[in-house]
PDB file of N, CA and C in Angstrom:
ATOM      1  N   UNK A   1       0.837  -1.176   0.000  1.00  0.00           N
ATOM      2  CA  UNK A   1       0.000   0.000   0.000  1.00  0.00           C
ATOM      3  C   UNK A   1       0.887   1.247   0.000  1.00  0.00           C
ATOM      4  N   UNK A   2       0.474   2.256  -0.699  1.00  0.00           N
ATOM      5  CA  UNK A   2       1.281   3.471  -0.796  1.00  0.00           C
ATOM      6  C   UNK A   2       1.018   4.384   0.386  1.00  0.00           C
ATOM      7  N   UNK A   3       1.919   5.320   0.554  1.00  0.00           N
ATOM      8  CA  UNK A   3       1.759   6.259   1.666  1.00  0.00           C
ATOM      9  C   UNK A   3       0.748   7.336   1.285  1.00  0.00           C
ATOM     10  N   UNK A   4      -0.014   7.800   2.246  1.00  0.00           N
ATOM     11  CA  UNK A   4      -1.005   8.843   1.946  1.00  0.00           C
ATOM     12  C   UNK A   4      -0.314  10.166   1.600  1.00  0.00           C
ATOM     13  N   UNK A   5      -0.962  10.925   0.750  1.00  0.00           N
ATOM     14  CA  UNK A   5      -0.413  12.200   0.293  1.00  0.00           C
ATOM     15  C   UNK A   5      -1.255  13.320   0.889  1.00  0.00           C
ATOM     16  N   UNK A   6      -0.583  14.293   1.472  1.00  0.00           N
ATOM     17  CA  UNK A   6      -1.286  15.450   2.007  1.00  0.00           C
ATOM     18  C   UNK A   6      -1.612  16.379   0.837  1.00  0.00           C
ATOM     19  N   UNK A   7      -2.875  16.483   0.495  1.00  0.00           N
ATOM     20  CA  UNK A   7      -3.277  17.253  -0.679  1.00  0.00           C
ATOM     21  C   UNK A   7      -3.044  18.749  -0.490  1.00  0.00           C
ATOM     22  N   UNK A   8      -3.158  19.233   0.728  1.00  0.00           N
ATOM     23  CA  UNK A   8      -2.891  20.656   0.972  1.00  0.00           C
ATOM     24  C   UNK A   8      -1.431  20.979   0.684  1.00  0.00           C
ATOM     25  N   UNK A   9      -0.542  20.119   1.129  1.00  0.00           N
ATOM     26  CA  UNK A   9       0.883  20.341   0.878  1.00  0.00           C
ATOM     27  C   UNK A   9       1.178  20.272  -0.619  1.00  0.00           C
ATOM     28  N   UNK A  10       0.572  19.309  -1.299  1.00  0.00           N
ATOM     29  CA  UNK A  10       0.763  19.177  -2.743  1.00  0.00           C
ATOM     30  C   UNK A  10       0.278  20.443  -3.461  1.00  0.00           C
ATOM     31  N   UNK A  11      -0.878  20.952  -3.069  1.00  0.00           N
ATOM     32  CA  UNK A  11      -1.444  22.148  -3.688  1.00  0.00           C
ATOM     33  C   UNK A  11      -0.546  23.356  -3.446  1.00  0.00           C
ATOM     34  N   UNK A  12      -0.062  23.512  -2.224  1.00  0.00           N
ATOM     35  CA  UNK A  12       0.805  24.646  -1.889  1.00  0.00           C
ATOM     36  C   UNK A  12       2.152  24.544  -2.605  1.00  0.00           C
ATOM     37  N   UNK A  13       2.710  23.345  -2.681  1.00  0.00           N
ATOM     38  CA  UNK A  13       3.979  23.164  -3.399  1.00  0.00           C
ATOM     39  C   UNK A  13       3.829  23.503  -4.877  1.00  0.00           C
ATOM     40  N   UNK A  14       2.712  23.094  -5.455  1.00  0.00           N
ATOM     41  CA  UNK A  14       2.462  23.392  -6.860  1.00  0.00           C
ATOM     42  C   UNK A  14       2.325  24.906  -7.062  1.00  0.00           C
ATOM     43  N   UNK A  15       1.631  25.588  -6.157  1.00  0.00           N
ATOM     44  CA  UNK A  15       1.465  27.044  -6.257  1.00  0.00           C
ATOM     45  C   UNK A  15       2.808  27.748  -6.106  1.00  0.00           C
ATOM     46  N   UNK A  16       3.645  27.270  -5.186  1.00  0.00           N
ATOM     47  CA  UNK A  16       4.975  27.865  -5.000  1.00  0.00           C
ATOM     48  C   UNK A  16       5.827  27.705  -6.254  1.00  0.00           C
ATOM     49  N   UNK A  17       5.774  26.530  -6.848  1.00  0.00           N
ATOM     50  CA  UNK A  17       6.560  26.285  -8.058  1.00  0.00           C
ATOM     51  C   UNK A  17       6.091  27.185  -9.197  1.00  0.00           C
ATOM     52  N   UNK A  18       4.794  27.366  -9.313  1.00  0.00           N
ATOM     53  CA  UNK A  18       4.260  28.247 -10.357  1.00  0.00           C
ATOM     54  C   UNK A  18       4.692  29.683 -10.122  1.00  0.00           C
ATOM     55  N   UNK A  19       4.605  30.139  -8.869  1.00  0.00           N
ATOM     56  CA  UNK A  19       5.030  31.503  -8.540  1.00  0.00           C
ATOM     57  C   UNK A  19       6.513  31.694  -8.810  1.00  0.00           C
ATOM     58  N   UNK A  20       7.313  30.707  -8.451  1.00  0.00           N
ATOM     59  CA  UNK A  20       8.754  30.794  -8.660  1.00  0.00           C
ATOM     60  C   UNK A  20       9.073  30.881 -10.150  1.00  0.00           C
ATOM     61  N   UNK A  21       8.382  30.093 -10.964  1.00  0.00           N
ATOM     62  CA  UNK A  21       8.604  30.126 -12.411  1.00  0.00           C
ATOM     63  C   UNK A  21       8.209  31.483 -12.985  1.00  0.00           C
ATOM     64  N   UNK A  22       7.099  32.037 -12.509  1.00  0.00           N
ATOM     65  CA  UNK A  22       6.667  33.360 -12.969  1.00  0.00           C
ATOM     66  C   UNK A  22       7.668  34.422 -12.549  1.00  0.00           C
ATOM     67  N   UNK A  23       8.157  34.342 -11.331  1.00  0.00           N
ATOM     68  CA  UNK A  23       9.133  35.320 -10.839  1.00  0.00           C
ATOM     69  C   UNK A  23      10.429  35.247 -11.639  1.00  0.00           C
ATOM     70  N   UNK A  24      10.874  34.047 -11.955  1.00  0.00           N
ATOM     71  CA  UNK A  24      12.092  33.902 -12.757  1.00  0.00           C
ATOM     72  C   UNK A  24      11.906  34.486 -14.154  1.00  0.00           C
ATOM     73  N   UNK A  25      10.740  34.260 -14.743  1.00  0.00           N
ATOM     74  CA  UNK A  25      10.470  34.807 -16.075  1.00  0.00           C
ATOM     75  C   UNK A  25      10.434  36.333 -16.029  1.00  0.00           C
ATOM     76  N   UNK A  26       9.831  36.888 -14.982  1.00  0.00           N
ATOM     77  CA  UNK A  26       9.774  38.346 -14.854  1.00  0.00           C
ATOM     78  C   UNK A  26      11.155  38.932 -14.605  1.00  0.00           C
ATOM     79  N   UNK A  27      11.984  38.235 -13.879  1.00  0.00           N
ATOM     80  CA  UNK A  27      13.339  38.728 -13.627  1.00  0.00           C
ATOM     81  C   UNK A  27      14.121  38.821 -14.930  1.00  0.00           C
ATOM     82  N   UNK A  28      13.898  37.878 -15.812  1.00  0.00           N
ATOM     83  CA  UNK A  28      14.580  37.913 -17.108  1.00  0.00           C
ATOM     84  C   UNK A  28      14.023  39.043 -17.964  1.00  0.00           C
ATOM     85  N   UNK A  29      12.712  39.230 -17.947  1.00  0.00           N
ATOM     86  CA  UNK A  29      12.083  40.239 -18.803  1.00  0.00           C
ATOM     87  C   UNK A  29      12.325  41.654 -18.304  1.00  0.00           C
ATOM     88  N   UNK A  30      12.205  41.873 -16.998  1.00  0.00           N
ATOM     89  CA  UNK A  30      12.212  43.226 -16.467  1.00  0.00           C
ATOM     90  C   UNK A  30      13.443  43.564 -15.643  1.00  0.00           C
ATOM     91  N   UNK A  31      14.276  42.599 -15.367  1.00  0.00           N
ATOM     92  CA  UNK A  31      15.454  42.850 -14.550  1.00  0.00           C
ATOM     93  C   UNK A  31      16.456  43.720 -15.283  1.00  0.00           C
ATOM     94  N   UNK A  32      17.187  44.509 -14.511  1.00  0.00           N
ATOM     95  CA  UNK A  32      18.212  45.364 -15.102  1.00  0.00           C
ATOM     96  C   UNK A  32      19.561  44.936 -14.555  1.00  0.00           C
ATOM     97  N   UNK A  33      20.563  45.029 -15.388  1.00  0.00           N
ATOM     98  CA  UNK A  33      21.889  44.627 -14.956  1.00  0.00           C
ATOM     99  C   UNK A  33      22.471  45.699 -14.037  1.00  0.00           C
ATOM    100  N   UNK A  34      23.527  45.343 -13.356  1.00  0.00           N
ATOM    101  CA  UNK A  34      24.176  46.272 -12.442  1.00  0.00           C
ATOM    102  C   UNK A  34      24.724  47.478 -13.202  1.00  0.00           C
ATOM    103  N   UNK A  35      25.228  47.256 -14.399  1.00  0.00           N
ATOM    104  CA  UNK A  35      25.758  48.352 -15.209  1.00  0.00           C
ATOM    105  C   UNK A  35      24.648  49.324 -15.605  1.00  0.00           C
ATOM    106  N   UNK A  36      23.478  48.802 -15.949  1.00  0.00           N
ATOM    107  CA  UNK A  36      22.356  49.670 -16.302  1.00  0.00           C
ATOM    108  C   UNK A  36      21.925  50.524 -15.116  1.00  0.00           C
ATOM    109  N   UNK A  37      21.877  49.911 -13.937  1.00  0.00           N
ATOM    110  CA  UNK A  37      21.498  50.660 -12.739  1.00  0.00           C
ATOM    111  C   UNK A  37      22.520  51.741 -12.431  1.00  0.00           C
ATOM    112  N   UNK A  38      23.800  51.424 -12.557  1.00  0.00           N
ATOM    113  CA  UNK A  38      24.856  52.402 -12.275  1.00  0.00           C
ATOM    114  C   UNK A  38      24.804  53.547 -13.275  1.00  0.00           C
ATOM    115  N   UNK A  39      24.559  53.246 -14.538  1.00  0.00           N
ATOM    116  CA  UNK A  39      24.463  54.287 -15.557  1.00  0.00           C
ATOM    117  C   UNK A  39      23.279  55.205 -15.278  1.00  0.00           C
ATOM    118  N   UNK A  40      22.156  54.636 -14.920  1.00  0.00           N
ATOM    119  CA  UNK A  40      20.973  55.436 -14.606  1.00  0.00           C
ATOM    120  C   UNK A  40      21.225  56.314 -13.383  1.00  0.00           C
ATOM    121  N   UNK A  41      21.877  55.750 -12.366  1.00  0.00           N
ATOM    122  CA  UNK A  41      22.192  56.510 -11.157  1.00  0.00           C
ATOM    123  C   UNK A  41      23.149  57.654 -11.482  1.00  0.00           C
ATOM    124  N   UNK A  42      24.144  57.411 -12.328  1.00  0.00           N
ATOM    125  CA  UNK A  42      25.106  58.446 -12.698  1.00  0.00           C
ATOM    126  C   UNK A  42      24.420  59.565 -13.476  1.00  0.00           C
ATOM    127  N   UNK A  43      23.537  59.216 -14.383  1.00  0.00           N
ATOM    128  CA  UNK A  43      22.815  60.241 -15.146  1.00  0.00           C
ATOM    129  C   UNK A  43      21.922  61.076 -14.233  1.00  0.00           C
ATOM    130  N   UNK A  44      21.261  60.439 -13.288  1.00  0.00           N
ATOM    131  CA  UNK A  44      20.406  61.161 -12.352  1.00  0.00           C
ATOM    132  C   UNK A  44      21.234  62.105 -11.494  1.00  0.00           C
ATOM    133  N   UNK A  45      22.364  61.634 -10.987  1.00  0.00           N
ATOM    134  CA  UNK A  45      23.237  62.483 -10.174  1.00  0.00           C
ATOM    135  C   UNK A  45      23.747  63.671 -10.975  1.00  0.00           C
ATOM    136  N   UNK A  46      24.115  63.445 -12.225  1.00  0.00           N
ATOM    137  CA  UNK A  46      24.614  64.529 -13.068  1.00  0.00           C
ATOM    138  C   UNK A  46      23.508  65.553 -13.320  1.00  0.00           C
ATOM    139  N   UNK A  47      22.295  65.110 -13.555  1.00  0.00           N
ATOM    140  CA  UNK A  47      21.182  66.028 -13.775  1.00  0.00           C
ATOM    141  C   UNK A  47      20.895  66.842 -12.515  1.00  0.00           C
ATOM    142  N   UNK A  48      20.957  66.203 -11.350  1.00  0.00           N
ATOM    143  CA  UNK A  48      20.729  66.921 -10.094  1.00  0.00           C
ATOM    144  C   UNK A  48      21.812  67.965  -9.859  1.00  0.00           C
ATOM    145  N   UNK A  49      23.065  67.629 -10.157  1.00  0.00           N
ATOM    146  CA  UNK A  49      24.149  68.600  -9.994  1.00  0.00           C
ATOM    147  C   UNK A  49      23.960  69.780 -10.945  1.00  0.00           C
ATOM    148  N   UNK A  50      23.507  69.511 -12.158  1.00  0.00           N
ATOM    149  CA  UNK A  50      23.258  70.578 -13.113  1.00  0.00           C
ATOM    150  C   UNK A  50      22.152  71.502 -12.643  1.00  0.00           C
ATOM    151  N   UNK A  51      21.105  70.933 -12.075  1.00  0.00           N
ATOM    152  CA  UNK A  51      20.015  71.758 -11.559  1.00  0.00           C
ATOM    153  C   UNK A  51      20.465  72.561 -10.346  1.00  0.00           C
ATOM    154  N   UNK A  52      21.251  71.952  -9.473  1.00  0.00           N
ATOM    155  CA  UNK A  52      21.744  72.670  -8.298  1.00  0.00           C
ATOM    156  C   UNK A  52      22.650  73.823  -8.704  1.00  0.00           C
ATOM    157  N   UNK A  53      23.362  73.686  -9.799  1.00  0.00           N
ATOM    158  CA  UNK A  53      24.242  74.749 -10.267  1.00  0.00           C
ATOM    159  C   UNK A  53      23.469  75.954 -10.775  1.00  0.00           C
ATOM    160  N   UNK A  54      22.244  75.760 -11.195  1.00  0.00           N
ATOM    161  CA  UNK A  54      21.424  76.851 -11.716  1.00  0.00           C
ATOM    162  C   UNK A  54      20.409  77.350 -10.696  1.00  0.00           C
ATOM    163  N   UNK A  55      20.544  76.909  -9.465  1.00  0.00           N
ATOM    164  CA  UNK A  55      19.591  77.285  -8.431  1.00  0.00           C
ATOM    165  C   UNK A  55      19.732  78.773  -8.115  1.00  0.00           C
ATOM    166  N   UNK A  56      18.611  79.458  -7.981  1.00  0.00           N
ATOM    167  CA  UNK A  56      18.598  80.880  -7.655  1.00  0.00           C
ATOM    168  C   UNK A  56      18.529  81.004  -6.138  1.00  0.00           C
ATOM    169  N   UNK A  57      19.411  81.819  -5.600  1.00  0.00           N
ATOM    170  CA  UNK A  57      19.412  82.033  -4.159  1.00  0.00           C
ATOM    171  C   UNK A  57      18.760  83.373  -3.849  1.00  0.00           C
ATOM    172  N   UNK A  58      18.250  83.520  -2.643  1.00  0.00           N
ATOM    173  CA  UNK A  58      17.605  84.759  -2.226  1.00  0.00           C
ATOM    174  C   UNK A  58      18.600  85.766  -1.678  1.00  0.00           C
ATOM    175  N   UNK A  59      19.844  85.369  -1.524  1.00  0.00           N
ATOM    176  CA  UNK A  59      20.845  86.274  -0.967  1.00  0.00           C
ATOM    177  C   UNK A  59      21.282  87.276  -2.032  1.00  0.00           C
ATOM    178  N   UNK A  60      21.301  88.571  -1.690  1.00  0.00           N
ATOM    179  CA  UNK A  60      21.758  89.562  -2.675  1.00  0.00           C
ATOM    180  C   UNK A  60      23.271  89.504  -2.831  1.00  0.00           C
ATOM    181  N   UNK A  61      23.734  89.687  -4.045  1.00  0.00           N
ATOM    182  CA  UNK A  61      25.168  89.736  -4.291  1.00  0.00           C
ATOM    183  C   UNK A  61      25.661  91.118  -3.912  1.00  0.00           C
ATOM    184  N   UNK A  62      26.774  91.188  -3.193  1.00  0.00           N
ATOM    185  CA  UNK A  62      27.293  92.470  -2.709  1.00  0.00           C
ATOM    186  C   UNK A  62      27.809  93.265  -3.809  1.00  0.00           C
TER     187      UNK A  62
END
């Protein structure tokens, strides 16, 4: 005679496997490489520095 199978565990394991497969597929489709993230961060920092350089201050120039 075979051992009984816990159907709740089987159902949950199947759901986990499906979620994991979906997550892996999304990571491939939407994931960004470290170089892409660094490039985006560098561009954002450069844009912020450019804006800060053009900031108008309320202090009068002597």
